[in-house]
Structure formats: C-alpha cells, structure tokens
Amino acid sequence: MSAASLDGGHLKSFIERIERLEEEKKAIADDIKDVYAEAKGNGYDVKIMRKIISIRRQDENKRREEEEILDLYLSALGGGE
C-alpha cells in the first residue's frame, strides 16, 4: 500500500477508535483496582481472589488436567515436602 493509496480519513477513524478504546480500558482497569482495594479493606486476600478469577476463566477440562499434573508432580516430590 503506497502513501498515495491511503485514505487518511479512514486511517484517522481507526486511530481515534483505538484511542477511545484504550481510554476505556484504562478506566476499567482503574475500576478493577478500586474493587480489589475495597475487598482488601474488608479483609479479603487479593492474591487469592486473583487466583480464583484466573481459575474461573480457564476451561474446566484444561483446569482439571493441570490439577492432575500438579498432583502427580507433587506426589513425585513426596507431597511437596
């Protein structure tokens, strides 16, 4: 694609849309940070909450497979002791 064939208006539209979405993403990230801070203030362990969210995001079959492999490895190490 040469500079002569570029549609500046179309490109500008894409750039502006991406910039708006980046702003929204930052606002959402700030909101999530605030929720974690509130939960921490109420005595919840934020690290564990993040782990729960990570687990819930995973495909159930994939999670079970990873847990089985983890258990197998821990058993091979004598229970992780």
PDB file of N, CA and C in Angstrom:
ATOM      1  N   MET A   1       0.862  -1.177   0.000  1.00  0.00           N
ATOM      2  CA  MET A   1       0.000   0.000   0.000  1.00  0.00           C
ATOM      3  C   MET A   1       0.900   1.228   0.000  1.00  0.00           C
ATOM      4  N   SER A   2       0.697   2.083  -0.942  1.00  0.00           N
ATOM      5  CA  SER A   2       1.514   3.294  -1.042  1.00  0.00           C
ATOM      6  C   SER A   2       0.821   4.449  -0.335  1.00  0.00           C
ATOM      7  N   ALA A   3       1.597   5.473  -0.056  1.00  0.00           N
ATOM      8  CA  ALA A   3       1.049   6.650   0.620  1.00  0.00           C
ATOM      9  C   ALA A   3      -0.062   7.282  -0.198  1.00  0.00           C
ATOM     10  N   ALA A   4       0.049   7.196  -1.515  1.00  0.00           N
ATOM     11  CA  ALA A   4      -0.968   7.797  -2.384  1.00  0.00           C
ATOM     12  C   ALA A   4      -2.298   7.058  -2.300  1.00  0.00           C
ATOM     13  N   SER A   5      -2.241   5.748  -1.987  1.00  0.00           N
ATOM     14  CA  SER A   5      -3.479   4.969  -1.939  1.00  0.00           C
ATOM     15  C   SER A   5      -4.120   4.944  -0.553  1.00  0.00           C
ATOM     16  N   LEU A   6      -3.478   5.537   0.424  1.00  0.00           N
ATOM     17  CA  LEU A   6      -4.032   5.569   1.776  1.00  0.00           C
ATOM     18  C   LEU A   6      -5.177   6.558   1.870  1.00  0.00           C
ATOM     19  N   ASP A   7      -6.207   6.146   2.576  1.00  0.00           N
ATOM     20  CA  ASP A   7      -7.335   7.037   2.857  1.00  0.00           C
ATOM     21  C   ASP A   7      -7.110   7.608   4.250  1.00  0.00           C
ATOM     22  N   GLY A   8      -6.634   8.841   4.314  1.00  0.00           N
ATOM     23  CA  GLY A   8      -6.314   9.472   5.592  1.00  0.00           C
ATOM     24  C   GLY A   8      -7.488   9.521   6.544  1.00  0.00           C
ATOM     25  N   GLY A   9      -8.681   9.756   6.023  1.00  0.00           N
ATOM     26  CA  GLY A   9      -9.861   9.815   6.879  1.00  0.00           C
ATOM     27  C   GLY A   9     -10.181   8.477   7.501  1.00  0.00           C
ATOM     28  N   HIS A  10     -10.037   7.424   6.725  1.00  0.00           N
ATOM     29  CA  HIS A  10     -10.309   6.083   7.221  1.00  0.00           C
ATOM     30  C   HIS A  10      -9.287   5.695   8.287  1.00  0.00           C
ATOM     31  N   LEU A  11      -8.023   5.972   8.001  1.00  0.00           N
ATOM     32  CA  LEU A  11      -6.954   5.692   8.952  1.00  0.00           C
ATOM     33  C   LEU A  11      -7.176   6.463  10.248  1.00  0.00           C
ATOM     34  N   LYS A  12      -7.521   7.736  10.122  1.00  0.00           N
ATOM     35  CA  LYS A  12      -7.759   8.570  11.303  1.00  0.00           C
ATOM     36  C   LYS A  12      -8.900   7.994  12.136  1.00  0.00           C
ATOM     37  N   SER A  13      -9.928   7.498  11.477  1.00  0.00           N
ATOM     38  CA  SER A  13     -11.058   6.895  12.176  1.00  0.00           C
ATOM     39  C   SER A  13     -10.610   5.686  12.998  1.00  0.00           C
ATOM     40  N   PHE A  14      -9.777   4.824  12.396  1.00  0.00           N
ATOM     41  CA  PHE A  14      -9.259   3.666  13.128  1.00  0.00           C
ATOM     42  C   PHE A  14      -8.443   4.101  14.337  1.00  0.00           C
ATOM     43  N   ILE A  15      -7.554   5.059  14.128  1.00  0.00           N
ATOM     44  CA  ILE A  15      -6.689   5.542  15.206  1.00  0.00           C
ATOM     45  C   ILE A  15      -7.526   6.105  16.348  1.00  0.00           C
ATOM     46  N   GLU A  16      -8.518   6.917  16.031  1.00  0.00           N
ATOM     47  CA  GLU A  16      -9.356   7.524  17.067  1.00  0.00           C
ATOM     48  C   GLU A  16     -10.172   6.473  17.812  1.00  0.00           C
ATOM     49  N   ARG A  17     -10.666   5.464  17.103  1.00  0.00           N
ATOM     50  CA  ARG A  17     -11.408   4.389  17.765  1.00  0.00           C
ATOM     51  C   ARG A  17     -10.515   3.637  18.739  1.00  0.00           C
ATOM     52  N   ILE A  18      -9.293   3.339  18.296  1.00  0.00           N
ATOM     53  CA  ILE A  18      -8.351   2.635  19.167  1.00  0.00           C
ATOM     54  C   ILE A  18      -8.025   3.480  20.390  1.00  0.00           C
ATOM     55  N   GLU A  19      -7.811   4.772  20.193  1.00  0.00           N
ATOM     56  CA  GLU A  19      -7.508   5.659  21.325  1.00  0.00           C
ATOM     57  C   GLU A  19      -8.662   5.684  22.325  1.00  0.00           C
ATOM     58  N   ARG A  20      -9.898   5.753  21.841  1.00  0.00           N
ATOM     59  CA  ARG A  20     -11.062   5.740  22.742  1.00  0.00           C
ATOM     60  C   ARG A  20     -11.130   4.433  23.525  1.00  0.00           C
ATOM     61  N   LEU A  21     -10.903   3.325  22.825  1.00  0.00           N
ATOM     62  CA  LEU A  21     -10.935   2.027  23.498  1.00  0.00           C
ATOM     63  C   LEU A  21      -9.826   1.905  24.534  1.00  0.00           C
ATOM     64  N   GLU A  22      -8.649   2.433  24.231  1.00  0.00           N
ATOM     65  CA  GLU A  22      -7.550   2.426  25.204  1.00  0.00           C
ATOM     66  C   GLU A  22      -7.929   3.232  26.448  1.00  0.00           C
ATOM     67  N   GLU A  23      -8.600   4.362  26.261  1.00  0.00           N
ATOM     68  CA  GLU A  23      -9.055   5.164  27.401  1.00  0.00           C
ATOM     69  C   GLU A  23     -10.067   4.383  28.233  1.00  0.00           C
ATOM     70  N   GLU A  24     -10.997   3.710  27.561  1.00  0.00           N
ATOM     71  CA  GLU A  24     -11.991   2.905  28.270  1.00  0.00           C
ATOM     72  C   GLU A  24     -11.325   1.762  29.022  1.00  0.00           C
ATOM     73  N   LYS A  25     -10.326   1.138  28.380  1.00  0.00           N
ATOM     74  CA  LYS A  25      -9.605   0.036  29.015  1.00  0.00           C
ATOM     75  C   LYS A  25      -8.918   0.512  30.294  1.00  0.00           C
ATOM     76  N   LYS A  26      -8.315   1.698  30.242  1.00  0.00           N
ATOM     77  CA  LYS A  26      -7.649   2.240  31.428  1.00  0.00           C
ATOM     78  C   LYS A  26      -8.663   2.522  32.528  1.00  0.00           C
ATOM     79  N   ALA A  27      -9.817   3.072  32.154  1.00  0.00           N
ATOM     80  CA  ALA A  27     -10.855   3.361  33.145  1.00  0.00           C
ATOM     81  C   ALA A  27     -11.346   2.073  33.798  1.00  0.00           C
ATOM     82  N   ILE A  28     -11.521   1.032  33.008  1.00  0.00           N
ATOM     83  CA  ILE A  28     -11.964  -0.249  33.554  1.00  0.00           C
ATOM     84  C   ILE A  28     -10.895  -0.831  34.473  1.00  0.00           C
ATOM     85  N   ALA A  29      -9.632  -0.750  34.069  1.00  0.00           N
ATOM     86  CA  ALA A  29      -8.537  -1.246  34.909  1.00  0.00           C
ATOM     87  C   ALA A  29      -8.504  -0.497  36.241  1.00  0.00           C
ATOM     88  N   ASP A  30      -8.742   0.804  36.204  1.00  0.00           N
ATOM     89  CA  ASP A  30      -8.793   1.592  37.440  1.00  0.00           C
ATOM     90  C   ASP A  30      -9.957   1.145  38.320  1.00  0.00           C
ATOM     91  N   ASP A  31     -11.105   0.861  37.706  1.00  0.00           N
ATOM     92  CA  ASP A  31     -12.267   0.383  38.463  1.00  0.00           C
ATOM     93  C   ASP A  31     -11.975  -0.959  39.124  1.00  0.00           C
ATOM     94  N   ILE A  32     -11.329  -1.851  38.392  1.00  0.00           N
ATOM     95  CA  ILE A  32     -10.981  -3.164  38.943  1.00  0.00           C
ATOM     96  C   ILE A  32     -10.018  -2.996  40.114  1.00  0.00           C
ATOM     97  N   LYS A  33      -9.048  -2.111  39.960  1.00  0.00           N
ATOM     98  CA  LYS A  33      -8.094  -1.838  41.044  1.00  0.00           C
ATOM     99  C   LYS A  33      -8.834  -1.342  42.288  1.00  0.00           C
ATOM    100  N   ASP A  34      -9.824  -0.476  42.088  1.00  0.00           N
ATOM    101  CA  ASP A  34     -10.612   0.037  43.210  1.00  0.00           C
ATOM    102  C   ASP A  34     -11.389  -1.076  43.912  1.00  0.00           C
ATOM    103  N   VAL A  35     -11.932  -2.013  43.140  1.00  0.00           N
ATOM    104  CA  VAL A  35     -12.683  -3.130  43.733  1.00  0.00           C
ATOM    105  C   VAL A  35     -11.750  -4.001  44.566  1.00  0.00           C
ATOM    106  N   TYR A  36     -10.554  -4.280  44.039  1.00  0.00           N
ATOM    107  CA  TYR A  36      -9.584  -5.061  44.810  1.00  0.00           C
ATOM    108  C   TYR A  36      -9.208  -4.334  46.100  1.00  0.00           C
ATOM    109  N   ALA A  37      -9.019  -3.032  46.029  1.00  0.00           N
ATOM    110  CA  ALA A  37      -8.675  -2.254  47.226  1.00  0.00           C
ATOM    111  C   ALA A  37      -9.808  -2.312  48.245  1.00  0.00           C
ATOM    112  N   GLU A  38     -11.033  -2.221  47.769  1.00  0.00           N
ATOM    113  CA  GLU A  38     -12.190  -2.304  48.665  1.00  0.00           C
ATOM    114  C   GLU A  38     -12.260  -3.684  49.319  1.00  0.00           C
ATOM    115  N   ALA A  39     -12.040  -4.727  48.530  1.00  0.00           N
ATOM    116  CA  ALA A  39     -12.069  -6.089  49.070  1.00  0.00           C
ATOM    117  C   ALA A  39     -10.969  -6.270  50.110  1.00  0.00           C
ATOM    118  N   LYS A  40      -9.781  -5.751  49.815  1.00  0.00           N
ATOM    119  CA  LYS A  40      -8.673  -5.841  50.763  1.00  0.00           C
ATOM    120  C   LYS A  40      -9.017  -5.110  52.052  1.00  0.00           C
ATOM    121  N   GLY A  41      -9.656  -3.962  51.930  1.00  0.00           N
ATOM    122  CA  GLY A  41     -10.080  -3.201  53.100  1.00  0.00           C
ATOM    123  C   GLY A  41     -11.100  -3.939  53.949  1.00  0.00           C
ATOM    124  N   ASN A  42     -11.808  -4.878  53.324  1.00  0.00           N
ATOM    125  CA  ASN A  42     -12.787  -5.688  54.046  1.00  0.00           C
ATOM    126  C   ASN A  42     -12.198  -7.014  54.512  1.00  0.00           C
ATOM    127  N   GLY A  43     -10.876  -7.145  54.417  1.00  0.00           N
ATOM    128  CA  GLY A  43     -10.197  -8.307  54.967  1.00  0.00           C
ATOM    129  C   GLY A  43      -9.974  -9.471  54.010  1.00  0.00           C
ATOM    130  N   TYR A  44     -10.296  -9.305  52.745  1.00  0.00           N
ATOM    131  CA  TYR A  44     -10.098 -10.390  51.784  1.00  0.00           C
ATOM    132  C   TYR A  44      -8.671 -10.386  51.255  1.00  0.00           C
ATOM    133  N   ASP A  45      -8.162 -11.569  50.947  1.00  0.00           N
ATOM    134  CA  ASP A  45      -6.822 -11.731  50.394  1.00  0.00           C
ATOM    135  C   ASP A  45      -6.905 -11.548  48.877  1.00  0.00           C
ATOM    136  N   VAL A  46      -6.372 -10.445  48.398  1.00  0.00           N
ATOM    137  CA  VAL A  46      -6.472 -10.087  46.986  1.00  0.00           C
ATOM    138  C   VAL A  46      -5.726 -11.094  46.108  1.00  0.00           C
ATOM    139  N   LYS A  47      -4.615 -11.601  46.579  1.00  0.00           N
ATOM    140  CA  LYS A  47      -3.857 -12.586  45.803  1.00  0.00           C
ATOM    141  C   LYS A  47      -4.713 -13.829  45.544  1.00  0.00           C
ATOM    142  N   ILE A  48      -5.429 -14.273  46.552  1.00  0.00           N
ATOM    143  CA  ILE A  48      -6.299 -15.441  46.410  1.00  0.00           C
ATOM    144  C   ILE A  48      -7.470 -15.110  45.491  1.00  0.00           C
ATOM    145  N   MET A  49      -8.007 -13.914  45.605  1.00  0.00           N
ATOM    146  CA  MET A  49      -9.108 -13.508  44.719  1.00  0.00           C
ATOM    147  C   MET A  49      -8.657 -13.533  43.262  1.00  0.00           C
ATOM    148  N   ARG A  50      -7.453 -13.041  43.000  1.00  0.00           N
ATOM    149  CA  ARG A  50      -6.929 -13.054  41.630  1.00  0.00           C
ATOM    150  C   ARG A  50      -6.769 -14.492  41.128  1.00  0.00           C
ATOM    151  N   LYS A  51      -6.327 -15.374  42.013  1.00  0.00           N
ATOM    152  CA  LYS A  51      -6.173 -16.782  41.650  1.00  0.00           C
ATOM    153  C   LYS A  51      -7.533 -17.396  41.319  1.00  0.00           C
ATOM    154  N   ILE A  52      -8.547 -17.085  42.113  1.00  0.00           N
ATOM    155  CA  ILE A  52      -9.896 -17.598  41.861  1.00  0.00           C
ATOM    156  C   ILE A  52     -10.388 -17.126  40.494  1.00  0.00           C
ATOM    157  N   ILE A  53     -10.186 -15.868  40.198  1.00  0.00           N
ATOM    158  CA  ILE A  53     -10.621 -15.324  38.903  1.00  0.00           C
ATOM    159  C   ILE A  53      -9.883 -16.021  37.767  1.00  0.00           C
ATOM    160  N   SER A  54      -8.594 -16.255  37.946  1.00  0.00           N
ATOM    161  CA  SER A  54      -7.809 -16.958  36.938  1.00  0.00           C
ATOM    162  C   SER A  54      -8.342 -18.372  36.720  1.00  0.00           C
ATOM    163  N   ILE A  55      -8.658 -19.055  37.796  1.00  0.00           N
ATOM    164  CA  ILE A  55      -9.191 -20.418  37.713  1.00  0.00           C
ATOM    165  C   ILE A  55     -10.547 -20.421  37.019  1.00  0.00           C
ATOM    166  N   ARG A  56     -11.401 -19.483  37.370  1.00  0.00           N
ATOM    167  CA  ARG A  56     -12.748 -19.429  36.783  1.00  0.00           C
ATOM    168  C   ARG A  56     -12.715 -19.120  35.288  1.00  0.00           C
ATOM    169  N   ARG A  57     -11.663 -18.446  34.838  1.00  0.00           N
ATOM    170  CA  ARG A  57     -11.512 -18.123  33.420  1.00  0.00           C
ATOM    171  C   ARG A  57     -11.140 -19.342  32.585  1.00  0.00           C
ATOM    172  N   GLN A  58     -10.477 -20.293  33.223  1.00  0.00           N
ATOM    173  CA  GLN A  58      -9.967 -21.453  32.498  1.00  0.00           C
ATOM    174  C   GLN A  58     -11.095 -22.386  32.074  1.00  0.00           C
ATOM    175  N   ASP A  59     -10.847 -23.089  30.982  1.00  0.00           N
ATOM    176  CA  ASP A  59     -11.723 -24.166  30.564  1.00  0.00           C
ATOM    177  C   ASP A  59     -11.680 -25.245  31.648  1.00  0.00           C
ATOM    178  N   GLU A  60     -12.842 -25.767  32.021  1.00  0.00           N
ATOM    179  CA  GLU A  60     -12.913 -26.722  33.130  1.00  0.00           C
ATOM    180  C   GLU A  60     -12.057 -27.960  32.870  1.00  0.00           C
ATOM    181  N   ASN A  61     -12.096 -28.493  31.667  1.00  0.00           N
ATOM    182  CA  ASN A  61     -11.296 -29.686  31.360  1.00  0.00           C
ATOM    183  C   ASN A  61      -9.804 -29.392  31.432  1.00  0.00           C
ATOM    184  N   LYS A  62      -9.400 -28.245  30.924  1.00  0.00           N
ATOM    185  CA  LYS A  62      -7.986 -27.869  30.967  1.00  0.00           C
ATOM    186  C   LYS A  62      -7.543 -27.675  32.418  1.00  0.00           C
ATOM    187  N   ARG A  63      -8.399 -27.059  33.229  1.00  0.00           N
ATOM    188  CA  ARG A  63      -8.070 -26.847  34.637  1.00  0.00           C
ATOM    189  C   ARG A  63      -7.892 -28.182  35.353  1.00  0.00           C
ATOM    190  N   ARG A  64      -8.811 -29.121  35.104  1.00  0.00           N
ATOM    191  CA  ARG A  64      -8.698 -30.441  35.741  1.00  0.00           C
ATOM    192  C   ARG A  64      -7.405 -31.140  35.322  1.00  0.00           C
ATOM    193  N   GLU A  65      -7.079 -31.039  34.041  1.00  0.00           N
ATOM    194  CA  GLU A  65      -5.851 -31.656  33.547  1.00  0.00           C
ATOM    195  C   GLU A  65      -4.631 -31.053  34.242  1.00  0.00           C
ATOM    196  N   GLU A  66      -4.596 -29.731  34.381  1.00  0.00           N
ATOM    197  CA  GLU A  66      -3.474 -29.075  35.062  1.00  0.00           C
ATOM    198  C   GLU A  66      -3.402 -29.486  36.525  1.00  0.00           C
ATOM    199  N   GLU A  67      -4.562 -29.600  37.184  1.00  0.00           N
ATOM    200  CA  GLU A  67      -4.584 -30.015  38.590  1.00  0.00           C
ATOM    201  C   GLU A  67      -4.073 -31.445  38.742  1.00  0.00           C
ATOM    202  N   GLU A  68      -4.447 -32.331  37.814  1.00  0.00           N
ATOM    203  CA  GLU A  68      -3.969 -33.713  37.860  1.00  0.00           C
ATOM    204  C   GLU A  68      -2.458 -33.771  37.685  1.00  0.00           C
ATOM    205  N   ILE A  69      -1.938 -32.982  36.754  1.00  0.00           N
ATOM    206  CA  ILE A  69      -0.487 -32.955  36.539  1.00  0.00           C
ATOM    207  C   ILE A  69       0.213 -32.387  37.766  1.00  0.00           C
ATOM    208  N   LEU A  70      -0.355 -31.330  38.352  1.00  0.00           N
ATOM    209  CA  LEU A  70       0.217 -30.750  39.564  1.00  0.00           C
ATOM    210  C   LEU A  70       0.254 -31.785  40.686  1.00  0.00           C
ATOM    211  N   ASP A  71      -0.861 -32.500  40.885  1.00  0.00           N
ATOM    212  CA  ASP A  71      -0.911 -33.543  41.916  1.00  0.00           C
ATOM    213  C   ASP A  71       0.127 -34.629  41.653  1.00  0.00           C
ATOM    214  N   LEU A  72       0.263 -35.017  40.385  1.00  0.00           N
ATOM    215  CA  LEU A  72       1.245 -36.031  40.013  1.00  0.00           C
ATOM    216  C   LEU A  72       2.655 -35.565  40.359  1.00  0.00           C
ATOM    217  N   TYR A  73       2.974 -34.332  40.006  1.00  0.00           N
ATOM    218  CA  TYR A  73       4.301 -33.790  40.294  1.00  0.00           C
ATOM    219  C   TYR A  73       4.546 -33.695  41.798  1.00  0.00           C
ATOM    220  N   LEU A  74       3.537 -33.236  42.543  1.00  0.00           N
ATOM    221  CA  LEU A  74       3.693 -33.139  43.999  1.00  0.00           C
ATOM    222  C   LEU A  74       3.903 -34.516  44.613  1.00  0.00           C
ATOM    223  N   SER A  75       3.175 -35.511  44.110  1.00  0.00           N
ATOM    224  CA  SER A  75       3.348 -36.884  44.599  1.00  0.00           C
ATOM    225  C   SER A  75       4.760 -37.378  44.313  1.00  0.00           C
ATOM    226  N   ALA A  76       5.264 -37.065  43.133  1.00  0.00           N
ATOM    227  CA  ALA A  76       6.616 -37.484  42.766  1.00  0.00           C
ATOM    228  C   ALA A  76       7.663 -36.845  43.671  1.00  0.00           C
ATOM    229  N   LEU A  77       7.330 -35.673  44.195  1.00  0.00           N
ATOM    230  CA  LEU A  77       8.254 -34.973  45.099  1.00  0.00           C
ATOM    231  C   LEU A  77       7.996 -35.322  46.559  1.00  0.00           C
ATOM    232  N   GLY A  78       7.123 -36.266  46.811  1.00  0.00           N
ATOM    233  CA  GLY A  78       6.822 -36.656  48.185  1.00  0.00           C
ATOM    234  C   GLY A  78       5.827 -35.731  48.834  1.00  0.00           C
ATOM    235  N   GLY A  79       4.841 -35.276  48.088  1.00  0.00           N
ATOM    236  CA  GLY A  79       3.800 -34.423  48.648  1.00  0.00           C
ATOM    237  C   GLY A  79       4.196 -32.971  48.741  1.00  0.00           C
ATOM    238  N   GLY A  80       5.264 -32.591  48.087  1.00  0.00           N
ATOM    239  CA  GLY A  80       5.680 -31.197  48.097  1.00  0.00           C
ATOM    240  C   GLY A  80       6.439 -30.809  49.339  1.00  0.00           C
ATOM    241  N   GLU A  81       6.862 -31.805  50.104  1.00  0.00           N
ATOM    242  CA  GLU A  81       7.575 -31.524  51.359  1.00  0.00           C
ATOM    243  C   GLU A  81       9.015 -31.201  51.119  1.00  0.00           C
TER     244      GLU A  81
END
